N, C-alpha and C. Protein backbone atom coordinates (compact mmCIF):
# COMPACT_ATOMS: atom_id res chain seq x y z
N MET A 1 9.51 7.49 3.84
CA MET A 1 8.94 6.49 4.72
C MET A 1 7.54 6.92 5.13
N PHE A 2 6.67 5.92 5.37
CA PHE A 2 5.28 6.18 5.74
C PHE A 2 4.93 5.33 6.97
N THR A 3 3.71 5.52 7.48
CA THR A 3 3.27 4.74 8.65
C THR A 3 2.15 3.77 8.30
N GLY A 4 1.54 3.92 7.12
CA GLY A 4 0.42 3.07 6.77
C GLY A 4 -0.90 3.54 7.36
N LEU A 5 -0.92 4.75 7.91
CA LEU A 5 -2.17 5.32 8.41
C LEU A 5 -2.69 6.27 7.33
N VAL A 6 -3.69 5.84 6.61
CA VAL A 6 -4.21 6.60 5.48
C VAL A 6 -4.82 7.91 5.96
N GLN A 7 -4.47 8.99 5.27
CA GLN A 7 -4.95 10.32 5.65
C GLN A 7 -6.14 10.79 4.84
N ALA A 8 -6.30 10.23 3.64
CA ALA A 8 -7.42 10.64 2.79
C ALA A 8 -7.64 9.60 1.71
N LYS A 9 -8.88 9.55 1.24
CA LYS A 9 -9.19 8.78 0.04
C LYS A 9 -9.31 9.73 -1.14
N GLY A 10 -8.73 9.33 -2.27
CA GLY A 10 -8.84 10.14 -3.46
C GLY A 10 -9.46 9.35 -4.59
N ARG A 11 -9.70 10.02 -5.70
CA ARG A 11 -10.23 9.40 -6.91
C ARG A 11 -9.36 9.82 -8.09
N VAL A 12 -9.15 8.88 -8.99
CA VAL A 12 -8.37 9.19 -10.19
C VAL A 12 -9.18 10.11 -11.08
N ALA A 13 -8.62 11.29 -11.38
CA ALA A 13 -9.26 12.24 -12.28
C ALA A 13 -8.88 11.97 -13.72
N SER A 14 -7.63 11.54 -13.92
CA SER A 14 -7.18 11.17 -15.27
C SER A 14 -5.91 10.35 -15.16
N ILE A 15 -5.68 9.53 -16.17
CA ILE A 15 -4.41 8.81 -16.30
C ILE A 15 -4.13 8.70 -17.79
N GLU A 16 -3.05 9.35 -18.21
CA GLU A 16 -2.74 9.47 -19.63
C GLU A 16 -1.33 8.96 -19.91
N PRO A 17 -1.14 8.29 -21.04
CA PRO A 17 0.22 7.84 -21.40
C PRO A 17 1.19 9.02 -21.49
N SER A 18 2.43 8.74 -21.11
CA SER A 18 3.50 9.75 -21.21
C SER A 18 4.77 9.04 -21.66
N PRO A 19 5.79 9.79 -22.07
CA PRO A 19 7.04 9.15 -22.51
C PRO A 19 7.63 8.23 -21.45
N ALA A 20 7.46 8.58 -20.16
CA ALA A 20 8.03 7.77 -19.07
C ALA A 20 7.14 6.60 -18.69
N GLY A 21 5.84 6.71 -18.95
CA GLY A 21 4.88 5.69 -18.55
C GLY A 21 3.48 6.25 -18.57
N ALA A 22 3.14 7.04 -17.51
CA ALA A 22 1.81 7.65 -17.45
C ALA A 22 1.84 8.85 -16.52
N ARG A 23 0.99 9.81 -16.81
CA ARG A 23 0.74 10.93 -15.89
C ARG A 23 -0.59 10.64 -15.19
N LEU A 24 -0.50 10.50 -13.88
CA LEU A 24 -1.65 10.18 -13.04
C LEU A 24 -2.08 11.42 -12.28
N VAL A 25 -3.34 11.77 -12.39
CA VAL A 25 -3.87 12.91 -11.64
C VAL A 25 -4.94 12.40 -10.68
N VAL A 26 -4.77 12.74 -9.41
CA VAL A 26 -5.67 12.29 -8.35
C VAL A 26 -6.29 13.51 -7.68
N GLU A 27 -7.58 13.44 -7.41
CA GLU A 27 -8.28 14.50 -6.68
C GLU A 27 -8.77 13.96 -5.34
N ALA A 28 -8.71 14.81 -4.33
CA ALA A 28 -9.15 14.39 -2.99
C ALA A 28 -9.58 15.60 -2.18
N GLY A 29 -10.49 15.37 -1.26
CA GLY A 29 -10.81 16.38 -0.26
C GLY A 29 -9.79 16.27 0.86
N TRP A 30 -8.66 16.96 0.71
CA TRP A 30 -7.51 16.75 1.59
C TRP A 30 -6.86 18.09 1.86
N ASP A 31 -6.58 18.37 3.13
CA ASP A 31 -5.99 19.66 3.47
C ASP A 31 -4.50 19.54 3.79
N ALA A 32 -3.86 18.45 3.38
CA ALA A 32 -2.44 18.27 3.65
C ALA A 32 -1.62 19.36 2.98
N ARG A 33 -0.53 19.73 3.62
CA ARG A 33 0.40 20.70 3.01
C ARG A 33 1.25 19.94 1.99
N LEU A 34 1.18 20.35 0.73
CA LEU A 34 1.83 19.61 -0.35
C LEU A 34 2.73 20.54 -1.15
N GLU A 35 3.93 20.04 -1.45
CA GLU A 35 4.89 20.78 -2.25
C GLU A 35 5.38 19.90 -3.39
N THR A 36 5.70 20.51 -4.51
CA THR A 36 6.27 19.76 -5.62
C THR A 36 7.51 19.00 -5.15
N GLY A 37 7.61 17.73 -5.51
CA GLY A 37 8.73 16.91 -5.08
C GLY A 37 8.45 16.08 -3.84
N ASP A 38 7.30 16.35 -3.18
CA ASP A 38 6.95 15.55 -2.00
C ASP A 38 6.70 14.09 -2.37
N SER A 39 7.02 13.20 -1.45
CA SER A 39 6.71 11.79 -1.61
C SER A 39 5.33 11.52 -1.03
N ILE A 40 4.46 10.93 -1.84
CA ILE A 40 3.10 10.61 -1.43
C ILE A 40 2.86 9.12 -1.67
N SER A 41 2.29 8.47 -0.68
CA SER A 41 1.88 7.08 -0.87
C SER A 41 0.51 7.07 -1.54
N VAL A 42 0.46 6.48 -2.73
CA VAL A 42 -0.79 6.35 -3.47
C VAL A 42 -1.13 4.86 -3.51
N SER A 43 -2.05 4.47 -2.65
CA SER A 43 -2.40 3.04 -2.48
C SER A 43 -1.16 2.18 -2.28
N GLY A 44 -0.26 2.67 -1.45
CA GLY A 44 0.92 1.89 -1.08
C GLY A 44 2.13 2.11 -1.95
N CYS A 45 2.00 2.86 -3.04
CA CYS A 45 3.13 3.11 -3.94
C CYS A 45 3.69 4.50 -3.66
N CYS A 46 4.97 4.59 -3.38
CA CYS A 46 5.61 5.88 -3.14
C CYS A 46 5.78 6.60 -4.48
N LEU A 47 5.07 7.72 -4.64
CA LEU A 47 5.15 8.53 -5.86
C LEU A 47 5.57 9.95 -5.51
N THR A 48 6.13 10.63 -6.50
CA THR A 48 6.60 12.01 -6.30
C THR A 48 5.61 12.99 -6.92
N LEU A 49 5.23 13.98 -6.15
CA LEU A 49 4.34 15.02 -6.66
C LEU A 49 5.08 15.79 -7.75
N ALA A 50 4.56 15.71 -8.98
CA ALA A 50 5.31 16.19 -10.14
C ALA A 50 5.07 17.65 -10.47
N ALA A 51 4.06 18.26 -9.89
CA ALA A 51 3.72 19.66 -10.20
C ALA A 51 3.03 20.26 -8.98
N PRO A 52 2.95 21.58 -8.90
CA PRO A 52 2.24 22.17 -7.76
C PRO A 52 0.81 21.66 -7.66
N ALA A 53 0.40 21.33 -6.45
CA ALA A 53 -0.98 20.87 -6.24
C ALA A 53 -1.94 22.00 -6.54
N GLN A 54 -3.04 21.67 -7.20
CA GLN A 54 -4.06 22.66 -7.55
C GLN A 54 -5.23 22.54 -6.57
N ARG A 55 -5.57 23.64 -5.92
CA ARG A 55 -6.62 23.60 -4.91
C ARG A 55 -7.82 24.45 -5.32
N ASP A 56 -9.00 23.98 -4.93
CA ASP A 56 -10.18 24.83 -4.96
C ASP A 56 -10.82 24.75 -3.58
N ALA A 57 -12.04 25.17 -3.47
CA ALA A 57 -12.66 25.25 -2.15
C ALA A 57 -12.83 23.90 -1.48
N ASP A 58 -13.03 22.85 -2.29
CA ASP A 58 -13.39 21.56 -1.72
C ASP A 58 -12.36 20.46 -1.90
N SER A 59 -11.41 20.63 -2.80
CA SER A 59 -10.52 19.51 -3.11
C SER A 59 -9.16 19.99 -3.58
N VAL A 60 -8.26 19.02 -3.67
CA VAL A 60 -6.92 19.28 -4.19
C VAL A 60 -6.66 18.29 -5.32
N SER A 61 -5.97 18.76 -6.36
CA SER A 61 -5.63 17.92 -7.49
C SER A 61 -4.12 17.74 -7.52
N MET A 62 -3.67 16.48 -7.61
CA MET A 62 -2.24 16.14 -7.55
C MET A 62 -1.83 15.35 -8.78
N ALA A 63 -0.70 15.70 -9.37
CA ALA A 63 -0.21 15.03 -10.57
C ALA A 63 1.07 14.25 -10.24
N PHE A 64 1.13 13.01 -10.74
CA PHE A 64 2.28 12.15 -10.52
C PHE A 64 2.71 11.53 -11.85
N ASP A 65 4.01 11.39 -12.04
CA ASP A 65 4.53 10.63 -13.17
C ASP A 65 4.83 9.22 -12.70
N VAL A 66 4.21 8.24 -13.34
CA VAL A 66 4.36 6.83 -12.94
C VAL A 66 5.13 6.11 -14.04
N VAL A 67 6.27 5.52 -13.66
CA VAL A 67 7.11 4.85 -14.65
C VAL A 67 6.51 3.48 -15.00
N ARG A 68 6.98 2.93 -16.12
CA ARG A 68 6.43 1.66 -16.61
C ARG A 68 6.62 0.53 -15.61
N GLU A 69 7.72 0.53 -14.87
CA GLU A 69 7.97 -0.50 -13.86
C GLU A 69 6.85 -0.52 -12.83
N SER A 70 6.47 0.65 -12.36
CA SER A 70 5.40 0.74 -11.36
C SER A 70 4.05 0.35 -11.96
N LEU A 71 3.81 0.73 -13.21
CA LEU A 71 2.55 0.40 -13.85
C LEU A 71 2.39 -1.11 -14.02
N SER A 72 3.51 -1.79 -14.30
CA SER A 72 3.43 -3.22 -14.58
C SER A 72 3.46 -4.08 -13.32
N LYS A 73 4.03 -3.57 -12.24
CA LYS A 73 4.23 -4.39 -11.05
C LYS A 73 3.35 -4.01 -9.86
N THR A 74 2.45 -3.06 -10.05
CA THR A 74 1.50 -2.67 -9.01
C THR A 74 0.12 -2.54 -9.65
N THR A 75 -0.87 -2.23 -8.82
CA THR A 75 -2.21 -2.05 -9.35
C THR A 75 -2.39 -0.69 -10.04
N LEU A 76 -1.39 0.17 -10.01
CA LEU A 76 -1.53 1.47 -10.65
C LEU A 76 -1.81 1.34 -12.15
N GLY A 77 -1.27 0.29 -12.75
CA GLY A 77 -1.48 0.09 -14.17
C GLY A 77 -2.91 -0.26 -14.55
N SER A 78 -3.71 -0.66 -13.57
CA SER A 78 -5.10 -1.04 -13.85
C SER A 78 -6.09 0.03 -13.41
N LEU A 79 -5.59 1.17 -12.93
CA LEU A 79 -6.49 2.23 -12.50
C LEU A 79 -7.19 2.87 -13.70
N GLY A 80 -8.39 3.34 -13.46
CA GLY A 80 -9.13 4.09 -14.47
C GLY A 80 -9.73 5.32 -13.82
N VAL A 81 -10.30 6.18 -14.62
CA VAL A 81 -10.93 7.39 -14.09
C VAL A 81 -12.03 6.98 -13.11
N GLY A 82 -11.96 7.56 -11.92
CA GLY A 82 -12.94 7.25 -10.87
C GLY A 82 -12.45 6.22 -9.87
N SER A 83 -11.35 5.52 -10.18
CA SER A 83 -10.82 4.53 -9.23
C SER A 83 -10.43 5.21 -7.93
N ALA A 84 -10.69 4.52 -6.82
CA ALA A 84 -10.37 5.05 -5.50
C ALA A 84 -8.95 4.69 -5.11
N VAL A 85 -8.25 5.61 -4.44
CA VAL A 85 -6.89 5.37 -3.97
C VAL A 85 -6.74 5.90 -2.56
N ASN A 86 -5.83 5.28 -1.80
CA ASN A 86 -5.49 5.74 -0.46
C ASN A 86 -4.30 6.68 -0.53
N LEU A 87 -4.31 7.71 0.30
CA LEU A 87 -3.26 8.73 0.26
C LEU A 87 -2.66 8.95 1.64
N GLU A 88 -1.33 9.13 1.65
CA GLU A 88 -0.62 9.46 2.89
C GLU A 88 0.64 10.23 2.53
N THR A 89 0.92 11.31 3.27
CA THR A 89 2.17 12.04 3.09
C THR A 89 3.29 11.29 3.82
N SER A 90 4.53 11.54 3.42
CA SER A 90 5.66 10.88 4.05
C SER A 90 5.87 11.40 5.47
N CYS A 91 6.59 10.61 6.26
CA CYS A 91 6.82 10.94 7.67
C CYS A 91 7.78 12.13 7.83
N THR A 92 7.64 12.81 8.95
CA THR A 92 8.61 13.80 9.40
C THR A 92 9.17 13.31 10.73
N PRO A 93 10.25 13.93 11.25
CA PRO A 93 10.82 13.45 12.52
C PRO A 93 9.85 13.43 13.69
N ASP A 94 8.79 14.26 13.64
CA ASP A 94 7.86 14.28 14.77
C ASP A 94 6.56 13.54 14.47
N THR A 95 6.53 12.74 13.40
CA THR A 95 5.33 11.97 13.08
C THR A 95 5.11 10.87 14.11
N VAL A 96 3.87 10.74 14.58
CA VAL A 96 3.53 9.63 15.47
C VAL A 96 3.45 8.35 14.64
N LEU A 97 4.24 7.34 15.02
CA LEU A 97 4.27 6.09 14.26
C LEU A 97 3.14 5.20 14.75
N GLY A 98 1.92 5.53 14.33
CA GLY A 98 0.76 4.80 14.79
C GLY A 98 0.55 3.48 14.07
N GLY A 99 1.16 3.32 12.89
CA GLY A 99 1.06 2.07 12.15
C GLY A 99 2.35 1.28 12.31
N HIS A 100 3.07 1.10 11.20
CA HIS A 100 4.41 0.50 11.28
C HIS A 100 5.27 1.13 10.19
N ILE A 101 6.54 0.76 10.13
CA ILE A 101 7.44 1.36 9.15
C ILE A 101 7.10 0.83 7.76
N VAL A 102 6.69 1.75 6.90
CA VAL A 102 6.26 1.41 5.53
C VAL A 102 7.14 2.19 4.56
N GLN A 103 7.72 1.50 3.59
CA GLN A 103 8.60 2.17 2.64
C GLN A 103 7.89 2.69 1.40
N GLY A 104 6.73 2.15 1.10
CA GLY A 104 6.07 2.53 -0.14
C GLY A 104 6.65 1.80 -1.33
N HIS A 105 7.34 0.69 -1.07
CA HIS A 105 7.93 -0.13 -2.13
C HIS A 105 7.10 -1.40 -2.27
N VAL A 106 6.19 -1.41 -3.20
CA VAL A 106 5.29 -2.54 -3.39
C VAL A 106 6.09 -3.76 -3.84
N GLU A 107 5.88 -4.89 -3.15
CA GLU A 107 6.61 -6.13 -3.48
C GLU A 107 5.84 -7.03 -4.42
N GLY A 108 4.55 -6.88 -4.47
CA GLY A 108 3.76 -7.73 -5.34
C GLY A 108 2.29 -7.40 -5.25
N VAL A 109 1.53 -7.95 -6.17
CA VAL A 109 0.08 -7.73 -6.22
C VAL A 109 -0.61 -8.98 -5.70
N GLY A 110 -1.47 -8.79 -4.72
CA GLY A 110 -2.24 -9.89 -4.16
C GLY A 110 -3.67 -9.87 -4.67
N ALA A 111 -4.40 -10.95 -4.39
CA ALA A 111 -5.80 -11.07 -4.81
C ALA A 111 -6.68 -11.21 -3.58
N PHE A 112 -7.80 -10.52 -3.59
CA PHE A 112 -8.80 -10.67 -2.54
C PHE A 112 -9.56 -11.97 -2.82
N GLU A 113 -9.25 -13.00 -2.04
CA GLU A 113 -9.85 -14.30 -2.29
C GLU A 113 -11.21 -14.45 -1.63
N ARG A 114 -11.37 -13.82 -0.49
CA ARG A 114 -12.65 -13.90 0.22
C ARG A 114 -12.86 -12.63 1.02
N VAL A 115 -14.07 -12.10 0.98
CA VAL A 115 -14.44 -10.92 1.77
C VAL A 115 -15.65 -11.28 2.61
N ARG A 116 -15.47 -11.28 3.94
CA ARG A 116 -16.54 -11.59 4.87
C ARG A 116 -16.96 -10.31 5.56
N THR A 117 -18.20 -9.89 5.35
CA THR A 117 -18.69 -8.65 5.92
C THR A 117 -19.41 -8.91 7.23
N GLY A 118 -19.85 -7.84 7.87
CA GLY A 118 -20.56 -7.98 9.14
C GLY A 118 -19.72 -7.50 10.30
N ASP A 119 -20.10 -7.94 11.50
CA ASP A 119 -19.39 -7.49 12.70
C ASP A 119 -17.93 -7.93 12.70
N ASP A 120 -17.65 -9.12 12.18
CA ASP A 120 -16.28 -9.61 12.10
C ASP A 120 -15.84 -9.55 10.63
N TRP A 121 -15.54 -8.33 10.17
CA TRP A 121 -15.24 -8.11 8.76
C TRP A 121 -13.80 -8.56 8.50
N ARG A 122 -13.66 -9.56 7.65
CA ARG A 122 -12.33 -10.09 7.36
C ARG A 122 -12.13 -10.24 5.86
N ILE A 123 -10.89 -10.08 5.46
CA ILE A 123 -10.52 -10.29 4.06
C ILE A 123 -9.41 -11.33 4.01
N THR A 124 -9.58 -12.30 3.15
CA THR A 124 -8.53 -13.30 2.89
C THR A 124 -7.80 -12.89 1.61
N VAL A 125 -6.48 -12.79 1.71
CA VAL A 125 -5.65 -12.34 0.60
C VAL A 125 -4.71 -13.46 0.17
N ARG A 126 -4.59 -13.64 -1.14
CA ARG A 126 -3.60 -14.56 -1.68
C ARG A 126 -2.45 -13.72 -2.27
N PRO A 127 -1.30 -13.71 -1.59
CA PRO A 127 -0.17 -12.93 -2.10
C PRO A 127 0.64 -13.75 -3.10
N PRO A 128 1.58 -13.15 -3.80
CA PRO A 128 2.53 -13.95 -4.56
C PRO A 128 3.23 -14.93 -3.62
N ALA A 129 3.45 -16.14 -4.07
CA ALA A 129 3.96 -17.21 -3.20
C ALA A 129 5.25 -16.82 -2.49
N GLU A 130 6.11 -16.06 -3.17
CA GLU A 130 7.41 -15.74 -2.58
C GLU A 130 7.31 -14.79 -1.39
N LEU A 131 6.17 -14.16 -1.19
CA LEU A 131 6.01 -13.26 -0.05
C LEU A 131 5.56 -13.97 1.22
N MET A 132 5.04 -15.19 1.09
CA MET A 132 4.46 -15.87 2.24
C MET A 132 5.46 -16.04 3.39
N VAL A 133 6.72 -16.24 3.10
CA VAL A 133 7.72 -16.47 4.14
C VAL A 133 7.86 -15.26 5.07
N CYS A 134 7.50 -14.08 4.59
CA CYS A 134 7.62 -12.86 5.41
C CYS A 134 6.31 -12.46 6.07
N ILE A 135 5.27 -13.27 5.91
CA ILE A 135 3.96 -12.95 6.47
C ILE A 135 3.75 -13.78 7.73
N THR A 136 3.72 -13.09 8.86
CA THR A 136 3.76 -13.73 10.18
C THR A 136 2.48 -13.47 10.96
N PRO A 137 1.91 -14.47 11.60
CA PRO A 137 0.72 -14.23 12.43
C PRO A 137 0.96 -13.13 13.45
N LYS A 138 0.05 -12.20 13.51
CA LYS A 138 0.09 -11.03 14.40
C LYS A 138 1.18 -10.05 14.01
N GLY A 139 1.82 -10.26 12.87
CA GLY A 139 2.78 -9.30 12.34
C GLY A 139 2.07 -8.22 11.56
N SER A 140 2.85 -7.38 10.88
CA SER A 140 2.30 -6.26 10.13
C SER A 140 2.36 -6.53 8.64
N ILE A 141 1.41 -5.97 7.92
CA ILE A 141 1.36 -6.04 6.46
C ILE A 141 0.75 -4.72 5.96
N THR A 142 1.17 -4.29 4.80
CA THR A 142 0.57 -3.11 4.19
C THR A 142 -0.22 -3.55 2.97
N ILE A 143 -1.52 -3.24 2.96
CA ILE A 143 -2.40 -3.56 1.84
C ILE A 143 -2.91 -2.24 1.27
N ASP A 144 -2.54 -1.96 0.03
CA ASP A 144 -2.94 -0.70 -0.62
C ASP A 144 -2.62 0.51 0.25
N GLY A 145 -1.46 0.45 0.91
CA GLY A 145 -1.01 1.56 1.73
C GLY A 145 -1.56 1.60 3.13
N VAL A 146 -2.35 0.60 3.52
CA VAL A 146 -2.98 0.56 4.84
C VAL A 146 -2.20 -0.38 5.74
N SER A 147 -1.74 0.10 6.88
CA SER A 147 -1.05 -0.72 7.86
C SER A 147 -2.07 -1.59 8.60
N LEU A 148 -1.87 -2.91 8.54
CA LEU A 148 -2.80 -3.85 9.16
C LEU A 148 -2.06 -4.93 9.92
N THR A 149 -2.74 -5.51 10.90
CA THR A 149 -2.22 -6.65 11.64
C THR A 149 -2.73 -7.93 10.99
N ILE A 150 -1.83 -8.89 10.79
CA ILE A 150 -2.21 -10.16 10.19
C ILE A 150 -2.97 -11.00 11.22
N ALA A 151 -4.20 -11.31 10.91
CA ALA A 151 -5.06 -12.02 11.86
C ALA A 151 -4.85 -13.52 11.81
N GLY A 152 -4.40 -14.04 10.69
CA GLY A 152 -4.18 -15.48 10.57
C GLY A 152 -3.45 -15.79 9.28
N VAL A 153 -2.70 -16.90 9.29
CA VAL A 153 -1.94 -17.30 8.12
C VAL A 153 -2.23 -18.77 7.82
N ASP A 154 -2.59 -19.05 6.59
CA ASP A 154 -2.76 -20.43 6.12
C ASP A 154 -1.53 -20.76 5.27
N VAL A 155 -0.52 -21.31 5.94
CA VAL A 155 0.75 -21.58 5.26
C VAL A 155 0.55 -22.56 4.11
N ASP A 156 -0.18 -23.63 4.37
CA ASP A 156 -0.38 -24.64 3.33
C ASP A 156 -1.23 -24.10 2.17
N GLY A 157 -2.21 -23.28 2.49
CA GLY A 157 -3.09 -22.74 1.46
C GLY A 157 -2.54 -21.53 0.75
N GLY A 158 -1.48 -20.91 1.34
CA GLY A 158 -0.85 -19.75 0.71
C GLY A 158 -1.66 -18.48 0.79
N THR A 159 -2.41 -18.30 1.90
CA THR A 159 -3.21 -17.09 2.08
C THR A 159 -3.03 -16.55 3.50
N PHE A 160 -3.50 -15.33 3.70
CA PHE A 160 -3.54 -14.76 5.05
C PHE A 160 -4.81 -13.94 5.19
N ASP A 161 -5.21 -13.71 6.45
CA ASP A 161 -6.41 -12.93 6.75
C ASP A 161 -6.04 -11.65 7.48
N VAL A 162 -6.85 -10.62 7.25
CA VAL A 162 -6.80 -9.41 8.06
C VAL A 162 -8.21 -9.10 8.52
N ALA A 163 -8.34 -8.56 9.72
CA ALA A 163 -9.62 -8.13 10.25
C ALA A 163 -9.70 -6.61 10.14
N LEU A 164 -10.85 -6.10 9.71
CA LEU A 164 -11.00 -4.67 9.48
C LEU A 164 -12.03 -4.08 10.45
N ILE A 165 -11.66 -2.96 11.07
CA ILE A 165 -12.56 -2.27 11.98
C ILE A 165 -13.35 -1.22 11.18
N PRO A 166 -14.48 -0.74 11.73
CA PRO A 166 -15.29 0.24 10.98
C PRO A 166 -14.52 1.47 10.54
N THR A 167 -13.59 1.96 11.35
CA THR A 167 -12.82 3.14 10.97
C THR A 167 -12.02 2.89 9.70
N THR A 168 -11.39 1.73 9.62
CA THR A 168 -10.61 1.38 8.42
C THR A 168 -11.51 1.25 7.21
N LEU A 169 -12.66 0.63 7.39
CA LEU A 169 -13.60 0.45 6.28
C LEU A 169 -14.07 1.79 5.74
N GLU A 170 -14.26 2.77 6.62
CA GLU A 170 -14.77 4.07 6.21
C GLU A 170 -13.66 4.97 5.64
N ALA A 171 -12.47 4.90 6.24
CA ALA A 171 -11.42 5.86 5.90
C ALA A 171 -10.52 5.41 4.76
N THR A 172 -10.62 4.15 4.33
CA THR A 172 -9.75 3.64 3.27
C THR A 172 -10.58 2.96 2.18
N THR A 173 -9.90 2.58 1.12
CA THR A 173 -10.56 1.90 0.01
C THR A 173 -10.89 0.45 0.32
N LEU A 174 -10.40 -0.08 1.45
CA LEU A 174 -10.65 -1.48 1.75
C LEU A 174 -12.13 -1.77 1.99
N GLY A 175 -12.90 -0.77 2.33
CA GLY A 175 -14.33 -0.95 2.46
C GLY A 175 -15.00 -1.26 1.13
N GLU A 176 -14.28 -1.01 0.02
CA GLU A 176 -14.80 -1.29 -1.32
C GLU A 176 -14.22 -2.58 -1.89
N ALA A 177 -13.42 -3.30 -1.11
CA ALA A 177 -12.78 -4.51 -1.62
C ALA A 177 -13.82 -5.57 -1.96
N SER A 178 -13.59 -6.27 -3.05
CA SER A 178 -14.50 -7.33 -3.47
C SER A 178 -13.70 -8.55 -3.90
N GLU A 179 -14.31 -9.71 -3.78
CA GLU A 179 -13.63 -10.95 -4.15
C GLU A 179 -13.22 -10.91 -5.62
N GLY A 180 -11.98 -11.29 -5.86
CA GLY A 180 -11.44 -11.25 -7.20
C GLY A 180 -10.67 -9.98 -7.50
N GLY A 181 -10.80 -8.98 -6.63
CA GLY A 181 -10.05 -7.74 -6.80
C GLY A 181 -8.58 -7.93 -6.45
N THR A 182 -7.77 -6.93 -6.76
CA THR A 182 -6.34 -7.02 -6.51
C THR A 182 -5.89 -5.88 -5.60
N CYS A 183 -4.72 -6.06 -5.00
CA CYS A 183 -4.20 -5.07 -4.06
C CYS A 183 -2.69 -5.06 -4.07
N ASN A 184 -2.12 -3.91 -3.69
CA ASN A 184 -0.67 -3.78 -3.55
C ASN A 184 -0.25 -4.27 -2.16
N LEU A 185 0.83 -5.04 -2.12
CA LEU A 185 1.30 -5.61 -0.86
C LEU A 185 2.74 -5.20 -0.59
N GLU A 186 2.99 -4.87 0.67
CA GLU A 186 4.36 -4.65 1.16
C GLU A 186 4.48 -5.33 2.53
N THR A 187 5.38 -6.30 2.63
CA THR A 187 5.57 -6.98 3.91
C THR A 187 6.39 -6.11 4.86
N ASP A 188 6.42 -6.50 6.11
CA ASP A 188 7.12 -5.76 7.15
C ASP A 188 8.62 -5.79 6.88
N ILE A 189 9.26 -4.62 6.82
CA ILE A 189 10.68 -4.54 6.51
C ILE A 189 11.52 -5.25 7.56
N LEU A 190 11.07 -5.29 8.81
CA LEU A 190 11.84 -5.98 9.85
C LEU A 190 11.84 -7.49 9.61
N ALA A 191 10.67 -8.05 9.33
CA ALA A 191 10.59 -9.48 9.03
C ALA A 191 11.37 -9.79 7.76
N ARG A 192 11.25 -8.93 6.77
CA ARG A 192 11.93 -9.16 5.49
C ARG A 192 13.45 -9.16 5.65
N THR A 193 13.95 -8.27 6.49
CA THR A 193 15.40 -8.19 6.71
C THR A 193 15.91 -9.44 7.42
N VAL A 194 15.18 -9.89 8.43
CA VAL A 194 15.58 -11.10 9.16
C VAL A 194 15.60 -12.31 8.24
N ILE A 195 14.56 -12.46 7.42
CA ILE A 195 14.49 -13.60 6.50
C ILE A 195 15.63 -13.54 5.49
N HIS A 196 15.91 -12.36 4.98
CA HIS A 196 17.00 -12.22 4.00
C HIS A 196 18.34 -12.60 4.61
N TYR A 197 18.59 -12.14 5.83
CA TYR A 197 19.84 -12.48 6.50
C TYR A 197 19.93 -13.98 6.75
N ALA A 198 18.84 -14.56 7.26
CA ALA A 198 18.85 -15.99 7.56
C ALA A 198 19.10 -16.82 6.31
N ARG A 199 18.54 -16.41 5.19
CA ARG A 199 18.69 -17.18 3.96
C ARG A 199 20.09 -17.07 3.36
N HIS A 200 20.69 -15.91 3.46
CA HIS A 200 21.90 -15.66 2.68
C HIS A 200 23.19 -15.52 3.49
N TYR A 201 23.08 -15.22 4.78
CA TYR A 201 24.28 -14.92 5.53
C TYR A 201 24.45 -15.68 6.84
N ALA A 202 23.36 -16.20 7.42
CA ALA A 202 23.43 -16.79 8.76
C ALA A 202 24.39 -17.97 8.79
N ALA A 203 24.32 -18.87 7.81
CA ALA A 203 25.17 -20.05 7.82
C ALA A 203 26.66 -19.69 7.75
N SER A 204 27.00 -18.75 6.87
CA SER A 204 28.42 -18.36 6.74
C SER A 204 28.90 -17.64 7.98
N ALA A 205 28.01 -16.86 8.63
CA ALA A 205 28.41 -16.16 9.86
C ALA A 205 28.70 -17.16 10.98
N GLN A 206 27.88 -18.22 11.08
CA GLN A 206 28.11 -19.25 12.11
C GLN A 206 29.39 -20.02 11.85
N ALA A 207 29.70 -20.21 10.57
CA ALA A 207 30.90 -20.96 10.22
C ALA A 207 32.18 -20.23 10.61
N THR A 208 32.12 -18.91 10.69
CA THR A 208 33.32 -18.15 11.03
C THR A 208 33.46 -17.89 12.52
N ASP A 209 32.44 -18.26 13.31
CA ASP A 209 32.52 -18.06 14.78
C ASP A 209 33.53 -19.02 15.42
């Protein structure tokens, strides 16, 4: 589990085909304590550190094995050398939950439909249509591993907006977002659970009361 509070930005050092899918190597100026087998959120995708992290004076190099399912259903499959990624270690029992509960299970790839810069920096995202039911005004959403508050929802248009503060723009890859780009999306697990129950079980539960 994660909080959606990005701890570091990294860059893809290499991504090479492997029998399972691909071996992804990411480098970052990051002082996190890392062990083989740790769960790391890489732009919102929960990946397992596949080998001991390699450190030098200025950076750490991390290797992950990415299966074909993740490559095809997230933006990881479109990464190239030099691509920027957001990084976060998994929670511990004493982690401050400054964002929201994030599983690292990407539900779909969205498109940056509009990017408005300036003092009121906003991004309009078009998610897969099936995710719209779980996207609630003033609720939570994870975009490329970043916990954000939904600033507005256009139900008829099938889009939603998020507002970005300078800290988010500087500390995450969202400051590099451009119109036409894509992003990994994970809706709020609480909203998702309520919607799932209402769709599949609420009617039968009322019938038995």
